[in-house]
Amino acid sequence: MLSPALAHRTPELGWLHPAVPFEELRQRLVDYVGFTPLQNVAGAPATAVPGGRTADGLPIGVRLAGAVGDERTLLELAYLLKAERPWPLL
């Protein structure tokens, strides 16, 4: 499965600060990492790889998810992607 790694660009410093009221902080986290919890609960493998950059140069991550126990396929795919389109250094 292919999806964004995160739901939106990197938040401003302090957006996820522990001083934010709990319910607001919880909702911010859910909205930010909304693509990853299902894979975590299922115990299935996933990885994030570079997928490009925003107009102002920030990296954009792409998430690849696989079947339970099939980490090998994800690693092979990541290596193939890197070979075809080398990942930029930050």
PDB file of N, CA and C in Angstrom:
ATOM      1  N   MET A   1       0.845  -1.161   0.000  1.00  0.00           N
ATOM      2  CA  MET A   1       0.000   0.000   0.000  1.00  0.00           C
ATOM      3  C   MET A   1       0.897   1.232   0.000  1.00  0.00           C
ATOM      4  N   LEU A   2       0.475   2.234  -0.727  1.00  0.00           N
ATOM      5  CA  LEU A   2       1.219   3.482  -0.834  1.00  0.00           C
ATOM      6  C   LEU A   2       0.368   4.604  -0.251  1.00  0.00           C
ATOM      7  N   SER A   3       0.950   5.417   0.610  1.00  0.00           N
ATOM      8  CA  SER A   3       0.237   6.560   1.184  1.00  0.00           C
ATOM      9  C   SER A   3       1.253   7.629   1.558  1.00  0.00           C
ATOM     10  N   PRO A   4       0.771   8.823   1.895  1.00  0.00           N
ATOM     11  CA  PRO A   4       1.704   9.811   2.436  1.00  0.00           C
ATOM     12  C   PRO A   4       2.274   9.305   3.764  1.00  0.00           C
ATOM     13  N   ALA A   5       3.458   9.727   4.106  1.00  0.00           N
ATOM     14  CA  ALA A   5       4.030   9.340   5.398  1.00  0.00           C
ATOM     15  C   ALA A   5       3.328  10.083   6.528  1.00  0.00           C
ATOM     16  N   LEU A   6       3.006  11.336   6.301  1.00  0.00           N
ATOM     17  CA  LEU A   6       2.320  12.168   7.297  1.00  0.00           C
ATOM     18  C   LEU A   6       1.186  12.919   6.610  1.00  0.00           C
ATOM     19  N   ALA A   7       0.231  13.388   7.399  1.00  0.00           N
ATOM     20  CA  ALA A   7      -0.950  14.023   6.834  1.00  0.00           C
ATOM     21  C   ALA A   7      -0.719  15.468   6.393  1.00  0.00           C
ATOM     22  N   HIS A   8       0.279  16.125   6.939  1.00  0.00           N
ATOM     23  CA  HIS A   8       0.584  17.489   6.533  1.00  0.00           C
ATOM     24  C   HIS A   8       2.047  17.783   6.806  1.00  0.00           C
ATOM     25  N   ARG A   9       2.489  18.908   6.316  1.00  0.00           N
ATOM     26  CA  ARG A   9       3.909  19.256   6.452  1.00  0.00           C
ATOM     27  C   ARG A   9       4.310  19.406   7.914  1.00  0.00           C
ATOM     28  N   THR A  10       5.588  19.458   8.155  1.00  0.00           N
ATOM     29  CA  THR A  10       6.125  19.559   9.507  1.00  0.00           C
ATOM     30  C   THR A  10       5.505  20.747  10.235  1.00  0.00           C
ATOM     31  N   PRO A  11       4.954  20.503  11.435  1.00  0.00           N
ATOM     32  CA  PRO A  11       4.330  21.608  12.170  1.00  0.00           C
ATOM     33  C   PRO A  11       5.377  22.563  12.753  1.00  0.00           C
ATOM     34  N   GLU A  12       4.889  23.733  13.098  1.00  0.00           N
ATOM     35  CA  GLU A  12       5.750  24.727  13.746  1.00  0.00           C
ATOM     36  C   GLU A  12       6.237  24.181  15.082  1.00  0.00           C
ATOM     37  N   LEU A  13       7.408  24.598  15.492  1.00  0.00           N
ATOM     38  CA  LEU A  13       7.967  24.214  16.776  1.00  0.00           C
ATOM     39  C   LEU A  13       6.978  24.601  17.881  1.00  0.00           C
ATOM     40  N   GLY A  14       6.668  23.671  18.763  1.00  0.00           N
ATOM     41  CA  GLY A  14       5.739  23.918  19.851  1.00  0.00           C
ATOM     42  C   GLY A  14       4.322  23.433  19.582  1.00  0.00           C
ATOM     43  N   TRP A  15       3.997  23.100  18.332  1.00  0.00           N
ATOM     44  CA  TRP A  15       2.646  22.648  17.966  1.00  0.00           C
ATOM     45  C   TRP A  15       2.258  21.369  18.698  1.00  0.00           C
ATOM     46  N   LEU A  16       3.239  20.508  18.981  1.00  0.00           N
ATOM     47  CA  LEU A  16       2.992  19.262  19.716  1.00  0.00           C
ATOM     48  C   LEU A  16       3.592  19.313  21.120  1.00  0.00           C
ATOM     49  N   HIS A  17       3.707  20.492  21.683  1.00  0.00           N
ATOM     50  CA  HIS A  17       4.308  20.677  23.006  1.00  0.00           C
ATOM     51  C   HIS A  17       3.428  20.059  24.092  1.00  0.00           C
ATOM     52  N   PRO A  18       4.026  19.449  25.112  1.00  0.00           N
ATOM     53  CA  PRO A  18       3.243  18.838  26.196  1.00  0.00           C
ATOM     54  C   PRO A  18       2.346  19.823  26.952  1.00  0.00           C
ATOM     55  N   ALA A  19       2.609  21.113  26.841  1.00  0.00           N
ATOM     56  CA  ALA A  19       1.770  22.097  27.535  1.00  0.00           C
ATOM     57  C   ALA A  19       0.431  22.335  26.823  1.00  0.00           C
ATOM     58  N   VAL A  20       0.306  21.854  25.590  1.00  0.00           N
ATOM     59  CA  VAL A  20      -0.971  21.963  24.879  1.00  0.00           C
ATOM     60  C   VAL A  20      -1.984  21.092  25.619  1.00  0.00           C
ATOM     61  N   PRO A  21      -3.217  21.581  25.828  1.00  0.00           N
ATOM     62  CA  PRO A  21      -4.219  20.771  26.522  1.00  0.00           C
ATOM     63  C   PRO A  21      -4.351  19.385  25.897  1.00  0.00           C
ATOM     64  N   PHE A  22      -4.518  18.364  26.734  1.00  0.00           N
ATOM     65  CA  PHE A  22      -4.449  16.972  26.289  1.00  0.00           C
ATOM     66  C   PHE A  22      -5.356  16.669  25.099  1.00  0.00           C
ATOM     67  N   GLU A  23      -6.627  17.020  25.158  1.00  0.00           N
ATOM     68  CA  GLU A  23      -7.546  16.677  24.062  1.00  0.00           C
ATOM     69  C   GLU A  23      -7.124  17.333  22.752  1.00  0.00           C
ATOM     70  N   GLU A  24      -6.664  18.562  22.824  1.00  0.00           N
ATOM     71  CA  GLU A  24      -6.190  19.256  21.627  1.00  0.00           C
ATOM     72  C   GLU A  24      -4.921  18.594  21.091  1.00  0.00           C
ATOM     73  N   LEU A  25      -4.005  18.248  21.982  1.00  0.00           N
ATOM     74  CA  LEU A  25      -2.763  17.592  21.590  1.00  0.00           C
ATOM     75  C   LEU A  25      -3.047  16.228  20.961  1.00  0.00           C
ATOM     76  N   ARG A  26      -3.956  15.457  21.571  1.00  0.00           N
ATOM     77  CA  ARG A  26      -4.326  14.145  21.035  1.00  0.00           C
ATOM     78  C   ARG A  26      -4.876  14.285  19.616  1.00  0.00           C
ATOM     79  N   GLN A  27      -5.769  15.245  19.421  1.00  0.00           N
ATOM     80  CA  GLN A  27      -6.346  15.439  18.086  1.00  0.00           C
ATOM     81  C   GLN A  27      -5.289  15.878  17.083  1.00  0.00           C
ATOM     82  N   ARG A  28      -4.374  16.729  17.500  1.00  0.00           N
ATOM     83  CA  ARG A  28      -3.291  17.151  16.603  1.00  0.00           C
ATOM     84  C   ARG A  28      -2.455  15.948  16.167  1.00  0.00           C
ATOM     85  N   LEU A  29      -2.150  15.064  17.114  1.00  0.00           N
ATOM     86  CA  LEU A  29      -1.366  13.867  16.789  1.00  0.00           C
ATOM     87  C   LEU A  29      -2.127  12.950  15.841  1.00  0.00           C
ATOM     88  N   VAL A  30      -3.395  12.724  16.120  1.00  0.00           N
ATOM     89  CA  VAL A  30      -4.221  11.871  15.250  1.00  0.00           C
ATOM     90  C   VAL A  30      -4.253  12.449  13.839  1.00  0.00           C
ATOM     91  N   ASP A  31      -4.444  13.748  13.734  1.00  0.00           N
ATOM     92  CA  ASP A  31      -4.496  14.391  12.422  1.00  0.00           C
ATOM     93  C   ASP A  31      -3.144  14.360  11.696  1.00  0.00           C
ATOM     94  N   TYR A  32      -2.064  14.377  12.447  1.00  0.00           N
ATOM     95  CA  TYR A  32      -0.722  14.429  11.851  1.00  0.00           C
ATOM     96  C   TYR A  32      -0.249  13.060  11.372  1.00  0.00           C
ATOM     97  N   VAL A  33      -0.485  12.019  12.155  1.00  0.00           N
ATOM     98  CA  VAL A  33       0.031  10.683  11.817  1.00  0.00           C
ATOM     99  C   VAL A  33      -1.089   9.723  11.407  1.00  0.00           C
ATOM    100  N   GLY A  34      -2.154  10.259  10.851  1.00  0.00           N
ATOM    101  CA  GLY A  34      -3.342   9.471  10.553  1.00  0.00           C
ATOM    102  C   GLY A  34      -3.154   8.265   9.650  1.00  0.00           C
ATOM    103  N   PHE A  35      -2.060   8.194   8.907  1.00  0.00           N
ATOM    104  CA  PHE A  35      -1.853   7.069   7.994  1.00  0.00           C
ATOM    105  C   PHE A  35      -1.152   5.886   8.641  1.00  0.00           C
ATOM    106  N   THR A  36      -0.531   6.088   9.806  1.00  0.00           N
ATOM    107  CA  THR A  36       0.308   5.030  10.370  1.00  0.00           C
ATOM    108  C   THR A  36      -0.328   4.112  11.409  1.00  0.00           C
ATOM    109  N   PRO A  37      -1.344   4.514  12.167  1.00  0.00           N
ATOM    110  CA  PRO A  37      -1.823   3.664  13.259  1.00  0.00           C
ATOM    111  C   PRO A  37      -2.323   2.282  12.839  1.00  0.00           C
ATOM    112  N   LEU A  38      -3.000   2.176  11.717  1.00  0.00           N
ATOM    113  CA  LEU A  38      -3.531   0.869  11.304  1.00  0.00           C
ATOM    114  C   LEU A  38      -2.418  -0.159  11.141  1.00  0.00           C
ATOM    115  N   GLN A  39      -1.336   0.233  10.509  1.00  0.00           N
ATOM    116  CA  GLN A  39      -0.204  -0.666  10.313  1.00  0.00           C
ATOM    117  C   GLN A  39       0.400  -1.048  11.665  1.00  0.00           C
ATOM    118  N   ASN A  40       0.488  -0.088  12.568  1.00  0.00           N
ATOM    119  CA  ASN A  40       1.053  -0.357  13.891  1.00  0.00           C
ATOM    120  C   ASN A  40       0.204  -1.369  14.656  1.00  0.00           C
ATOM    121  N   VAL A  41      -1.097  -1.177  14.654  1.00  0.00           N
ATOM    122  CA  VAL A  41      -2.001  -2.071  15.375  1.00  0.00           C
ATOM    123  C   VAL A  41      -1.976  -3.467  14.766  1.00  0.00           C
ATOM    124  N   ALA A  42      -1.899  -3.545  13.456  1.00  0.00           N
ATOM    125  CA  ALA A  42      -1.891  -4.837  12.771  1.00  0.00           C
ATOM    126  C   ALA A  42      -0.562  -5.570  12.923  1.00  0.00           C
ATOM    127  N   GLY A  43       0.485  -4.846  13.302  1.00  0.00           N
ATOM    128  CA  GLY A  43       1.795  -5.464  13.411  1.00  0.00           C
ATOM    129  C   GLY A  43       2.416  -5.747  12.055  1.00  0.00           C
ATOM    130  N   ALA A  44       1.947  -5.047  11.052  1.00  0.00           N
ATOM    131  CA  ALA A  44       2.449  -5.244   9.695  1.00  0.00           C
ATOM    132  C   ALA A  44       3.554  -4.226   9.409  1.00  0.00           C
ATOM    133  N   PRO A  45       4.491  -4.566   8.539  1.00  0.00           N
ATOM    134  CA  PRO A  45       5.619  -3.683   8.267  1.00  0.00           C
ATOM    135  C   PRO A  45       5.243  -2.486   7.401  1.00  0.00           C
ATOM    136  N   ALA A  46       5.944  -1.406   7.619  1.00  0.00           N
ATOM    137  CA  ALA A  46       5.814  -0.203   6.802  1.00  0.00           C
ATOM    138  C   ALA A  46       7.126   0.550   6.886  1.00  0.00           C
ATOM    139  N   THR A  47       7.375   1.359   5.894  1.00  0.00           N
ATOM    140  CA  THR A  47       8.567   2.192   5.889  1.00  0.00           C
ATOM    141  C   THR A  47       8.243   3.492   5.179  1.00  0.00           C
ATOM    142  N   ALA A  48       8.988   4.516   5.480  1.00  0.00           N
ATOM    143  CA  ALA A  48       8.831   5.794   4.797  1.00  0.00           C
ATOM    144  C   ALA A  48      10.105   6.062   4.002  1.00  0.00           C
ATOM    145  N   VAL A  49       9.908   6.526   2.778  1.00  0.00           N
ATOM    146  CA  VAL A  49      11.033   6.851   1.907  1.00  0.00           C
ATOM    147  C   VAL A  49      10.816   8.253   1.339  1.00  0.00           C
ATOM    148  N   PRO A  50      11.889   8.912   0.917  1.00  0.00           N
ATOM    149  CA  PRO A  50      11.728  10.235   0.322  1.00  0.00           C
ATOM    150  C   PRO A  50      10.891  10.163  -0.952  1.00  0.00           C
ATOM    151  N   GLY A  51       9.981  11.111  -1.099  1.00  0.00           N
ATOM    152  CA  GLY A  51       9.130  11.120  -2.278  1.00  0.00           C
ATOM    153  C   GLY A  51       9.218  12.409  -3.066  1.00  0.00           C
ATOM    154  N   GLY A  52      10.042  13.302  -2.619  1.00  0.00           N
ATOM    155  CA  GLY A  52      10.185  14.584  -3.300  1.00  0.00           C
ATOM    156  C   GLY A  52      10.375  15.692  -2.298  1.00  0.00           C
ATOM    157  N   ARG A  53      10.141  16.916  -2.761  1.00  0.00           N
ATOM    158  CA  ARG A  53      10.292  18.090  -1.893  1.00  0.00           C
ATOM    159  C   ARG A  53       9.158  19.072  -2.175  1.00  0.00           C
ATOM    160  N   THR A  54       8.833  19.858  -1.164  1.00  0.00           N
ATOM    161  CA  THR A  54       7.858  20.919  -1.350  1.00  0.00           C
ATOM    162  C   THR A  54       8.490  22.024  -2.177  1.00  0.00           C
ATOM    163  N   ALA A  55       7.682  22.997  -2.566  1.00  0.00           N
ATOM    164  CA  ALA A  55       8.196  24.122  -3.353  1.00  0.00           C
ATOM    165  C   ALA A  55       9.291  24.880  -2.616  1.00  0.00           C
ATOM    166  N   ASP A  56       9.216  24.875  -1.271  1.00  0.00           N
ATOM    167  CA  ASP A  56      10.251  25.579  -0.505  1.00  0.00           C
ATOM    168  C   ASP A  56      11.350  24.651   0.006  1.00  0.00           C
ATOM    169  N   GLY A  57      11.439  23.435  -0.540  1.00  0.00           N
ATOM    170  CA  GLY A  57      12.571  22.558  -0.280  1.00  0.00           C
ATOM    171  C   GLY A  57      12.459  21.569   0.858  1.00  0.00           C
ATOM    172  N   LEU A  58      11.318  21.518   1.539  1.00  0.00           N
ATOM    173  CA  LEU A  58      11.167  20.539   2.621  1.00  0.00           C
ATOM    174  C   LEU A  58      10.923  19.146   2.041  1.00  0.00           C
ATOM    175  N   PRO A  59      11.488  18.107   2.650  1.00  0.00           N
ATOM    176  CA  PRO A  59      11.279  16.752   2.133  1.00  0.00           C
ATOM    177  C   PRO A  59       9.847  16.279   2.356  1.00  0.00           C
ATOM    178  N   ILE A  60       9.363  15.481   1.417  1.00  0.00           N
ATOM    179  CA  ILE A  60       8.043  14.863   1.506  1.00  0.00           C
ATOM    180  C   ILE A  60       8.266  13.363   1.583  1.00  0.00           C
ATOM    181  N   GLY A  61       7.685  12.723   2.589  1.00  0.00           N
ATOM    182  CA  GLY A  61       7.837  11.282   2.755  1.00  0.00           C
ATOM    183  C   GLY A  61       6.671  10.514   2.151  1.00  0.00           C
ATOM    184  N   VAL A  62       6.981   9.363   1.617  1.00  0.00           N
ATOM    185  CA  VAL A  62       5.993   8.438   1.081  1.00  0.00           C
ATOM    186  C   VAL A  62       6.060   7.174   1.926  1.00  0.00           C
ATOM    187  N   ARG A  63       4.916   6.667   2.308  1.00  0.00           N
ATOM    188  CA  ARG A  63       4.865   5.483   3.168  1.00  0.00           C
ATOM    189  C   ARG A  63       4.495   4.263   2.336  1.00  0.00           C
ATOM    190  N   LEU A  64       5.286   3.224   2.488  1.00  0.00           N
ATOM    191  CA  LEU A  64       5.017   1.935   1.847  1.00  0.00           C
ATOM    192  C   LEU A  64       4.647   0.944   2.935  1.00  0.00           C
ATOM    193  N   ALA A  65       3.545   0.251   2.786  1.00  0.00           N
ATOM    194  CA  ALA A  65       3.102  -0.709   3.786  1.00  0.00           C
ATOM    195  C   ALA A  65       2.926  -2.067   3.132  1.00  0.00           C
ATOM    196  N   GLY A  66       3.244  -3.109   3.879  1.00  0.00           N
ATOM    197  CA  GLY A  66       3.173  -4.458   3.335  1.00  0.00           C
ATOM    198  C   GLY A  66       2.398  -5.407   4.219  1.00  0.00           C
ATOM    199  N   ALA A  67       2.415  -6.650   3.836  1.00  0.00           N
ATOM    200  CA  ALA A  67       1.710  -7.706   4.558  1.00  0.00           C
ATOM    201  C   ALA A  67       2.514  -8.135   5.789  1.00  0.00           C
ATOM    202  N   VAL A  68       1.809  -8.643   6.769  1.00  0.00           N
ATOM    203  CA  VAL A  68       2.454  -9.145   7.986  1.00  0.00           C
ATOM    204  C   VAL A  68       3.534 -10.153   7.606  1.00  0.00           C
ATOM    205  N   GLY A  69       4.723  -9.953   8.130  1.00  0.00           N
ATOM    206  CA  GLY A  69       5.826 -10.880   7.894  1.00  0.00           C
ATOM    207  C   GLY A  69       6.568 -10.670   6.588  1.00  0.00           C
ATOM    208  N   ASP A  70       6.196  -9.664   5.806  1.00  0.00           N
ATOM    209  CA  ASP A  70       6.834  -9.475   4.499  1.00  0.00           C
ATOM    210  C   ASP A  70       7.708  -8.216   4.466  1.00  0.00           C
ATOM    211  N   GLU A  71       8.546  -8.073   5.471  1.00  0.00           N
ATOM    212  CA  GLU A  71       9.463  -6.946   5.530  1.00  0.00           C
ATOM    213  C   GLU A  71      10.418  -6.950   4.346  1.00  0.00           C
ATOM    214  N   ARG A  72      10.765  -8.127   3.893  1.00  0.00           N
ATOM    215  CA  ARG A  72      11.729  -8.249   2.796  1.00  0.00           C
ATOM    216  C   ARG A  72      11.285  -7.485   1.551  1.00  0.00           C
ATOM    217  N   THR A  73      10.010  -7.631   1.190  1.00  0.00           N
ATOM    218  CA  THR A  73       9.506  -6.937   0.003  1.00  0.00           C
ATOM    219  C   THR A  73       9.642  -5.432   0.145  1.00  0.00           C
ATOM    220  N   LEU A  74       9.327  -4.904   1.325  1.00  0.00           N
ATOM    221  CA  LEU A  74       9.441  -3.461   1.532  1.00  0.00           C
ATOM    222  C   LEU A  74      10.888  -3.000   1.432  1.00  0.00           C
ATOM    223  N   LEU A  75      11.788  -3.740   2.033  1.00  0.00           N
ATOM    224  CA  LEU A  75      13.210  -3.373   1.955  1.00  0.00           C
ATOM    225  C   LEU A  75      13.722  -3.443   0.522  1.00  0.00           C
ATOM    226  N   GLU A  76      13.339  -4.471  -0.207  1.00  0.00           N
ATOM    227  CA  GLU A  76      13.766  -4.587  -1.605  1.00  0.00           C
ATOM    228  C   GLU A  76      13.221  -3.430  -2.432  1.00  0.00           C
ATOM    229  N   LEU A  77      11.965  -3.073  -2.199  1.00  0.00           N
ATOM    230  CA  LEU A  77      11.365  -1.955  -2.926  1.00  0.00           C
ATOM    231  C   LEU A  77      12.081  -0.651  -2.594  1.00  0.00           C
ATOM    232  N   ALA A  78      12.380  -0.431  -1.328  1.00  0.00           N
ATOM    233  CA  ALA A  78      13.103   0.782  -0.931  1.00  0.00           C
ATOM    234  C   ALA A  78      14.474   0.853  -1.602  1.00  0.00           C
ATOM    235  N   TYR A  79      15.182  -0.261  -1.648  1.00  0.00           N
ATOM    236  CA  TYR A  79      16.492  -0.284  -2.318  1.00  0.00           C
ATOM    237  C   TYR A  79      16.355  -0.007  -3.812  1.00  0.00           C
ATOM    238  N   LEU A  80      15.322  -0.561  -4.446  1.00  0.00           N
ATOM    239  CA  LEU A  80      15.099  -0.311  -5.874  1.00  0.00           C
ATOM    240  C   LEU A  80      14.796   1.166  -6.130  1.00  0.00           C
ATOM    241  N   LEU A  81      13.945   1.741  -5.300  1.00  0.00           N
ATOM    242  CA  LEU A  81      13.623   3.159  -5.456  1.00  0.00           C
ATOM    243  C   LEU A  81      14.864   4.027  -5.296  1.00  0.00           C
ATOM    244  N   LYS A  82      15.689   3.691  -4.317  1.00  0.00           N
ATOM    245  CA  LYS A  82      16.910   4.473  -4.091  1.00  0.00           C
ATOM    246  C   LYS A  82      17.869   4.339  -5.270  1.00  0.00           C
ATOM    247  N   ALA A  83      17.966   3.149  -5.848  1.00  0.00           N
ATOM    248  CA  ALA A  83      18.849   2.940  -6.983  1.00  0.00           C
ATOM    249  C   ALA A  83      18.371   3.729  -8.212  1.00  0.00           C
ATOM    250  N   GLU A  84      17.052   3.783  -8.425  1.00  0.00           N
ATOM    251  CA  GLU A  84      16.502   4.483  -9.575  1.00  0.00           C
ATOM    252  C   GLU A  84      16.501   5.994  -9.418  1.00  0.00           C
ATOM    253  N   ARG A  85      16.303   6.439  -8.189  1.00  0.00           N
ATOM    254  CA  ARG A  85      16.230   7.874  -7.908  1.00  0.00           C
ATOM    255  C   ARG A  85      16.916   8.124  -6.572  1.00  0.00           C
ATOM    256  N   PRO A  86      18.238   8.296  -6.595  1.00  0.00           N
ATOM    257  CA  PRO A  86      18.981   8.467  -5.348  1.00  0.00           C
ATOM    258  C   PRO A  86      18.370   9.536  -4.442  1.00  0.00           C
ATOM    259  N   TRP A  87      18.354   9.233  -3.159  1.00  0.00           N
ATOM    260  CA  TRP A  87      17.759  10.144  -2.185  1.00  0.00           C
ATOM    261  C   TRP A  87      18.688  11.295  -1.907  1.00  0.00           C
ATOM    262  N   PRO A  88      18.139  12.487  -1.887  1.00  0.00           N
ATOM    263  CA  PRO A  88      19.001  13.664  -1.619  1.00  0.00           C
ATOM    264  C   PRO A  88      19.424  13.703  -0.159  1.00  0.00           C
ATOM    265  N   LEU A  89      20.593  14.266   0.054  1.00  0.00           N
ATOM    266  CA  LEU A  89      21.055  14.491   1.415  1.00  0.00           C
ATOM    267  C   LEU A  89      20.510  15.834   1.877  1.00  0.00           C
ATOM    268  N   LEU A  90      20.172  15.912   3.152  1.00  0.00           N
ATOM    269  CA  LEU A  90      19.633  17.179   3.660  1.00  0.00           C
ATOM    270  C   LEU A  90      20.732  18.155   3.956  1.00  0.00           C
TER     271      LEU A  90
END
